[in-house]
Amino acid sequence: MKLIACSGGPDSMALLDMERKTGGGLFVCHVNYRKRPTADRDEAIVRQYCETHGLGLAVLYPHYEGGNFQAWARDVRYDFFWRQAHLQGIGKILVAHQQDDLLETYVFQRERHMRCDWYGLRYRSRRQDLVIERPLLGWTKAGLEAYCQENGVAFGVDESNLGDDYTRNRIRHGM
């Protein structure tokens, strides 16, 4: 059994579809921060896919109280994934980081002069006792969008990624 982190965007919807097609048990986790007008649309996309294919789904609606939103959101979602993995008896979570994310992370680390054991993103890492795998690191975002379109997989586009409000977005748009 694998736990899939699924936002409803093209990366995670492609991952969900690819993993479903390989067989084996899947459990899906979605976090709806309700921070943007299309957040409920993305949740509906994930819900519909799970209902259509008979997949278990857990959704979290966290409440943001201030501070660095990106860091808070990351901690909230990984804590949620960890709890759900334990409830479901799952030891591995798959996340849809892809090649563009890997490069953005590397640039982010270099710009901040971070000293890291590993630059970019590892294929496999751990958070507490949970194994995290990133099987899409060889795919580009454009390739995953094309996969979804070719396979009839619905996805939403997070418009907050289109602006430069966050450092990662500025790096993404400048690459």
C-alpha atoms as a PDB file:
ATOM      1  CA  MET A   1       0.000   0.000   0.000  1.00  0.00           C
ATOM      2  CA  LYS A   2       1.235   3.481  -0.898  1.00  0.00           C
ATOM      3  CA  LEU A   3       0.084   6.872   0.279  1.00  0.00           C
ATOM      4  CA  ILE A   4      -0.101   9.479  -2.493  1.00  0.00           C
ATOM      5  CA  ALA A   5       0.073  13.191  -1.689  1.00  0.00           C
ATOM      6  CA  CYS A   6      -2.253  14.804  -4.197  1.00  0.00           C
ATOM      7  CA  SER A   7      -2.908  18.534  -4.604  1.00  0.00           C
ATOM      8  CA  GLY A   8      -5.041  18.221  -7.738  1.00  0.00           C
ATOM      9  CA  GLY A   9      -2.380  19.858  -9.912  1.00  0.00           C
ATOM     10  CA  PRO A  10      -0.949  18.219 -13.033  1.00  0.00           C
ATOM     11  CA  ASP A  11       2.102  16.774 -11.259  1.00  0.00           C
ATOM     12  CA  SER A  12       0.248  14.967  -8.499  1.00  0.00           C
ATOM     13  CA  MET A  13      -2.679  13.927 -10.713  1.00  0.00           C
ATOM     14  CA  ALA A  14      -0.228  12.379 -13.198  1.00  0.00           C
ATOM     15  CA  LEU A  15       1.522  10.561 -10.335  1.00  0.00           C
ATOM     16  CA  LEU A  16      -1.800   9.321  -8.975  1.00  0.00           C
ATOM     17  CA  ASP A  17      -2.868   8.046 -12.394  1.00  0.00           C
ATOM     18  CA  MET A  18       0.488   6.375 -13.108  1.00  0.00           C
ATOM     19  CA  GLU A  19       0.525   4.632  -9.735  1.00  0.00           C
ATOM     20  CA  ARG A  20      -3.096   3.494 -10.050  1.00  0.00           C
ATOM     21  CA  LYS A  21      -2.275   1.924 -13.403  1.00  0.00           C
ATOM     22  CA  THR A  22       0.639  -0.046 -11.924  1.00  0.00           C
ATOM     23  CA  GLY A  23      -1.725  -1.770  -9.502  1.00  0.00           C
ATOM     24  CA  GLY A  24      -1.423  -2.230  -5.766  1.00  0.00           C
ATOM     25  CA  GLY A  25      -3.220  -0.410  -3.027  1.00  0.00           C
ATOM     26  CA  LEU A  26      -3.279   3.366  -2.871  1.00  0.00           C
ATOM     27  CA  PHE A  27      -4.509   5.813  -0.275  1.00  0.00           C
ATOM     28  CA  VAL A  28      -4.739   9.503  -1.217  1.00  0.00           C
ATOM     29  CA  CYS A  29      -4.197  12.567   0.980  1.00  0.00           C
ATOM     30  CA  HIS A  30      -5.235  16.082  -0.018  1.00  0.00           C
ATOM     31  CA  VAL A  31      -4.724  19.307   1.932  1.00  0.00           C
ATOM     32  CA  ASN A  32      -7.131  22.160   1.233  1.00  0.00           C
ATOM     33  CA  TYR A  33      -5.679  25.320   2.756  1.00  0.00           C
ATOM     34  CA  ARG A  34      -8.643  27.322   1.402  1.00  0.00           C
ATOM     35  CA  LYS A  35      -6.217  30.156   0.687  1.00  0.00           C
ATOM     36  CA  ARG A  36      -7.309  30.769  -2.907  1.00  0.00           C
ATOM     37  CA  PRO A  37     -10.635  30.788  -4.775  1.00  0.00           C
ATOM     38  CA  THR A  38      -9.871  27.587  -6.728  1.00  0.00           C
ATOM     39  CA  ALA A  39      -8.865  25.458  -3.732  1.00  0.00           C
ATOM     40  CA  ASP A  40     -12.266  23.742  -3.580  1.00  0.00           C
ATOM     41  CA  ARG A  41     -12.093  23.040  -7.320  1.00  0.00           C
ATOM     42  CA  ASP A  42      -8.789  21.196  -6.810  1.00  0.00           C
ATOM     43  CA  GLU A  43     -10.250  19.186  -3.941  1.00  0.00           C
ATOM     44  CA  ALA A  44     -13.230  18.266  -6.143  1.00  0.00           C
ATOM     45  CA  ILE A  45     -10.860  17.035  -8.880  1.00  0.00           C
ATOM     46  CA  VAL A  46      -9.073  14.762  -6.401  1.00  0.00           C
ATOM     47  CA  ARG A  47     -12.361  13.569  -4.866  1.00  0.00           C
ATOM     48  CA  GLN A  48     -13.852  12.733  -8.270  1.00  0.00           C
ATOM     49  CA  TYR A  49     -10.777  10.779  -9.341  1.00  0.00           C
ATOM     50  CA  CYS A  50     -10.757   8.797  -6.084  1.00  0.00           C
ATOM     51  CA  GLU A  51     -14.493   8.075  -6.277  1.00  0.00           C
ATOM     52  CA  THR A  52     -14.235   6.996  -9.922  1.00  0.00           C
ATOM     53  CA  HIS A  53     -11.388   4.586  -9.167  1.00  0.00           C
ATOM     54  CA  GLY A  54     -12.442   3.411  -5.686  1.00  0.00           C
ATOM     55  CA  LEU A  55      -9.487   4.914  -3.832  1.00  0.00           C
ATOM     56  CA  GLY A  56      -9.475   5.900  -0.172  1.00  0.00           C
ATOM     57  CA  LEU A  57      -9.106   9.625   0.493  1.00  0.00           C
ATOM     58  CA  ALA A  58      -8.421  11.821   3.514  1.00  0.00           C
ATOM     59  CA  VAL A  59      -8.694  15.619   3.328  1.00  0.00           C
ATOM     60  CA  LEU A  60      -7.292  18.130   5.797  1.00  0.00           C
ATOM     61  CA  TYR A  61      -8.531  21.731   6.254  1.00  0.00           C
ATOM     62  CA  PRO A  62      -5.836  23.412   8.382  1.00  0.00           C
ATOM     63  CA  HIS A  63      -6.144  26.889   9.863  1.00  0.00           C
ATOM     64  CA  TYR A  64      -3.248  29.271   9.127  1.00  0.00           C
ATOM     65  CA  GLU A  65      -2.431  31.638  11.961  1.00  0.00           C
ATOM     66  CA  GLY A  66       0.503  33.610  10.553  1.00  0.00           C
ATOM     67  CA  GLY A  67       4.234  33.415   9.961  1.00  0.00           C
ATOM     68  CA  ASN A  68       6.028  31.923   6.960  1.00  0.00           C
ATOM     69  CA  PHE A  69       3.148  30.331   5.052  1.00  0.00           C
ATOM     70  CA  GLN A  70       5.312  28.026   2.910  1.00  0.00           C
ATOM     71  CA  ALA A  71       7.186  26.562   5.891  1.00  0.00           C
ATOM     72  CA  TRP A  72       3.982  26.219   7.921  1.00  0.00           C
ATOM     73  CA  ALA A  73       2.131  24.571   5.016  1.00  0.00           C
ATOM     74  CA  ARG A  74       4.956  22.062   4.465  1.00  0.00           C
ATOM     75  CA  ASP A  75       4.992  21.067   8.149  1.00  0.00           C
ATOM     76  CA  VAL A  76       1.189  20.796   8.300  1.00  0.00           C
ATOM     77  CA  ARG A  77       0.924  18.593   5.231  1.00  0.00           C
ATOM     78  CA  TYR A  78       3.797  16.255   6.133  1.00  0.00           C
ATOM     79  CA  ASP A  79       2.430  15.842   9.681  1.00  0.00           C
ATOM     80  CA  PHE A  80      -0.950  15.016   8.117  1.00  0.00           C
ATOM     81  CA  PHE A  81       0.636  12.503   5.727  1.00  0.00           C
ATOM     82  CA  TRP A  82       2.518  10.915   8.637  1.00  0.00           C
ATOM     83  CA  ARG A  83      -0.672  10.563  10.717  1.00  0.00           C
ATOM     84  CA  GLN A  84      -2.626   9.116   7.799  1.00  0.00           C
ATOM     85  CA  ALA A  85       0.175   6.700   6.906  1.00  0.00           C
ATOM     86  CA  HIS A  86       0.134   5.380  10.481  1.00  0.00           C
ATOM     87  CA  LEU A  87      -3.657   5.098  10.530  1.00  0.00           C
ATOM     88  CA  GLN A  88      -3.578   3.159   7.242  1.00  0.00           C
ATOM     89  CA  GLY A  89      -0.537   1.029   8.135  1.00  0.00           C
ATOM     90  CA  ILE A  90       1.525   2.527   5.302  1.00  0.00           C
ATOM     91  CA  GLY A  91       5.276   3.137   5.504  1.00  0.00           C
ATOM     92  CA  LYS A  92       5.814   5.020   2.255  1.00  0.00           C
ATOM     93  CA  ILE A  93       4.481   8.237   0.784  1.00  0.00           C
ATOM     94  CA  LEU A  94       4.853   9.281  -2.840  1.00  0.00           C
ATOM     95  CA  VAL A  95       5.064  12.982  -3.651  1.00  0.00           C
ATOM     96  CA  ALA A  96       4.977  14.509  -7.113  1.00  0.00           C
ATOM     97  CA  HIS A  97       8.118  16.634  -7.066  1.00  0.00           C
ATOM     98  CA  GLN A  98       9.433  16.734 -10.621  1.00  0.00           C
ATOM     99  CA  GLN A  99      12.527  17.903 -12.504  1.00  0.00           C
ATOM    100  CA  ASP A 100      11.582  21.601 -12.444  1.00  0.00           C
ATOM    101  CA  ASP A 101      11.128  21.370  -8.638  1.00  0.00           C
ATOM    102  CA  LEU A 102      14.526  19.716  -8.313  1.00  0.00           C
ATOM    103  CA  LEU A 103      16.232  22.522 -10.249  1.00  0.00           C
ATOM    104  CA  GLU A 104      14.328  25.251  -8.392  1.00  0.00           C
ATOM    105  CA  THR A 105      15.340  23.725  -5.067  1.00  0.00           C
ATOM    106  CA  TYR A 106      18.986  23.613  -6.134  1.00  0.00           C
ATOM    107  CA  VAL A 107      18.911  27.290  -7.206  1.00  0.00           C
ATOM    108  CA  PHE A 108      17.095  28.240  -3.980  1.00  0.00           C
ATOM    109  CA  GLN A 109      19.754  26.476  -1.887  1.00  0.00           C
ATOM    110  CA  ARG A 110      22.627  28.067  -3.830  1.00  0.00           C
ATOM    111  CA  GLU A 111      21.151  31.585  -3.696  1.00  0.00           C
ATOM    112  CA  ARG A 112      20.834  31.317   0.079  1.00  0.00           C
ATOM    113  CA  HIS A 113      24.375  29.893   0.360  1.00  0.00           C
ATOM    114  CA  MET A 114      22.941  26.907   2.186  1.00  0.00           C
ATOM    115  CA  ARG A 115      25.312  24.131   3.198  1.00  0.00           C
ATOM    116  CA  CYS A 116      23.519  20.912   2.377  1.00  0.00           C
ATOM    117  CA  ASP A 117      24.298  17.215   2.448  1.00  0.00           C
ATOM    118  CA  TRP A 118      22.396  17.037  -0.846  1.00  0.00           C
ATOM    119  CA  TYR A 119      21.581  19.828  -3.286  1.00  0.00           C
ATOM    120  CA  GLY A 120      18.210  19.677  -5.012  1.00  0.00           C
ATOM    121  CA  LEU A 121      15.812  16.895  -4.035  1.00  0.00           C
ATOM    122  CA  ARG A 122      16.621  13.285  -3.223  1.00  0.00           C
ATOM    123  CA  TYR A 123      14.657  10.499  -4.834  1.00  0.00           C
ATOM    124  CA  ARG A 124      14.183   8.947  -1.390  1.00  0.00           C
ATOM    125  CA  SER A 125      14.270  10.604   2.011  1.00  0.00           C
ATOM    126  CA  ARG A 126      12.746  10.121   5.441  1.00  0.00           C
ATOM    127  CA  ARG A 127      10.589  12.180   7.749  1.00  0.00           C
ATOM    128  CA  GLN A 128      10.419  10.553  11.142  1.00  0.00           C
ATOM    129  CA  ASP A 129       9.731   6.870  10.363  1.00  0.00           C
ATOM    130  CA  LEU A 130       8.088   7.539   6.992  1.00  0.00           C
ATOM    131  CA  VAL A 131       9.880   6.932   3.674  1.00  0.00           C
ATOM    132  CA  ILE A 132       9.219   9.685   1.122  1.00  0.00           C
ATOM    133  CA  GLU A 133       9.770   8.895  -2.557  1.00  0.00           C
ATOM    134  CA  ARG A 134       9.772  11.267  -5.519  1.00  0.00           C
ATOM    135  CA  PRO A 135       9.330   9.036  -8.586  1.00  0.00           C
ATOM    136  CA  LEU A 136       8.768  11.932 -11.027  1.00  0.00           C
ATOM    137  CA  LEU A 137      12.194  13.614 -10.757  1.00  0.00           C
ATOM    138  CA  GLY A 138      12.925  12.569 -14.348  1.00  0.00           C
ATOM    139  CA  TRP A 139       9.765  14.282 -15.657  1.00  0.00           C
ATOM    140  CA  THR A 140       9.329  17.968 -16.449  1.00  0.00           C
ATOM    141  CA  LYS A 141       6.189  19.865 -15.474  1.00  0.00           C
ATOM    142  CA  ALA A 142       5.346  20.286 -19.178  1.00  0.00           C
ATOM    143  CA  GLY A 143       5.733  16.538 -19.670  1.00  0.00           C
ATOM    144  CA  LEU A 144       3.358  15.812 -16.791  1.00  0.00           C
ATOM    145  CA  GLU A 145       0.765  18.256 -18.120  1.00  0.00           C
ATOM    146  CA  ALA A 146       1.035  16.512 -21.506  1.00  0.00           C
ATOM    147  CA  TYR A 147       0.621  13.128 -19.773  1.00  0.00           C
ATOM    148  CA  CYS A 148      -2.600  14.331 -18.126  1.00  0.00           C
ATOM    149  CA  GLN A 149      -3.963  15.703 -21.374  1.00  0.00           C
ATOM    150  CA  GLU A 150      -3.094  12.545 -23.336  1.00  0.00           C
ATOM    151  CA  ASN A 151      -4.632  10.287 -20.671  1.00  0.00           C
ATOM    152  CA  GLY A 152      -7.751  12.344 -19.959  1.00  0.00           C
ATOM    153  CA  VAL A 153      -6.710  13.095 -16.364  1.00  0.00           C
ATOM    154  CA  ALA A 154      -8.341  16.245 -14.994  1.00  0.00           C
ATOM    155  CA  PHE A 155      -6.162  18.715 -13.084  1.00  0.00           C
ATOM    156  CA  GLY A 156      -6.297  22.240 -11.735  1.00  0.00           C
ATOM    157  CA  VAL A 157      -3.732  25.001 -12.091  1.00  0.00           C
ATOM    158  CA  ASP A 158      -2.780  26.754  -8.862  1.00  0.00           C
ATOM    159  CA  GLU A 159      -2.818  30.417  -9.852  1.00  0.00           C
ATOM    160  CA  SER A 160      -0.719  31.343  -6.805  1.00  0.00           C
ATOM    161  CA  ASN A 161       2.214  29.779  -8.678  1.00  0.00           C
ATOM    162  CA  LEU A 162       1.791  32.288 -11.506  1.00  0.00           C
ATOM    163  CA  GLY A 163       2.841  35.336  -9.466  1.00  0.00           C
ATOM    164  CA  ASP A 164       6.122  36.184  -7.769  1.00  0.00           C
ATOM    165  CA  ASP A 165       4.816  36.384  -4.185  1.00  0.00           C
ATOM    166  CA  TYR A 166       7.052  33.522  -3.042  1.00  0.00           C
ATOM    167  CA  THR A 167      10.829  33.120  -3.479  1.00  0.00           C
ATOM    168  CA  ARG A 168      10.385  29.764  -5.212  1.00  0.00           C
ATOM    169  CA  ASN A 169       8.069  31.357  -7.784  1.00  0.00           C
ATOM    170  CA  ARG A 170      10.597  34.124  -8.500  1.00  0.00           C
ATOM    171  CA  ILE A 171      13.257  31.470  -9.076  1.00  0.00           C
ATOM    172  CA  ARG A 172      10.882  29.425 -11.256  1.00  0.00           C
ATOM    173  CA  HIS A 173       9.987  32.390 -13.444  1.00  0.00           C
ATOM    174  CA  GLY A 174      13.599  33.505 -13.744  1.00  0.00           C
ATOM    175  CA  MET A 175      14.946  30.131 -14.907  1.00  0.00           C
END
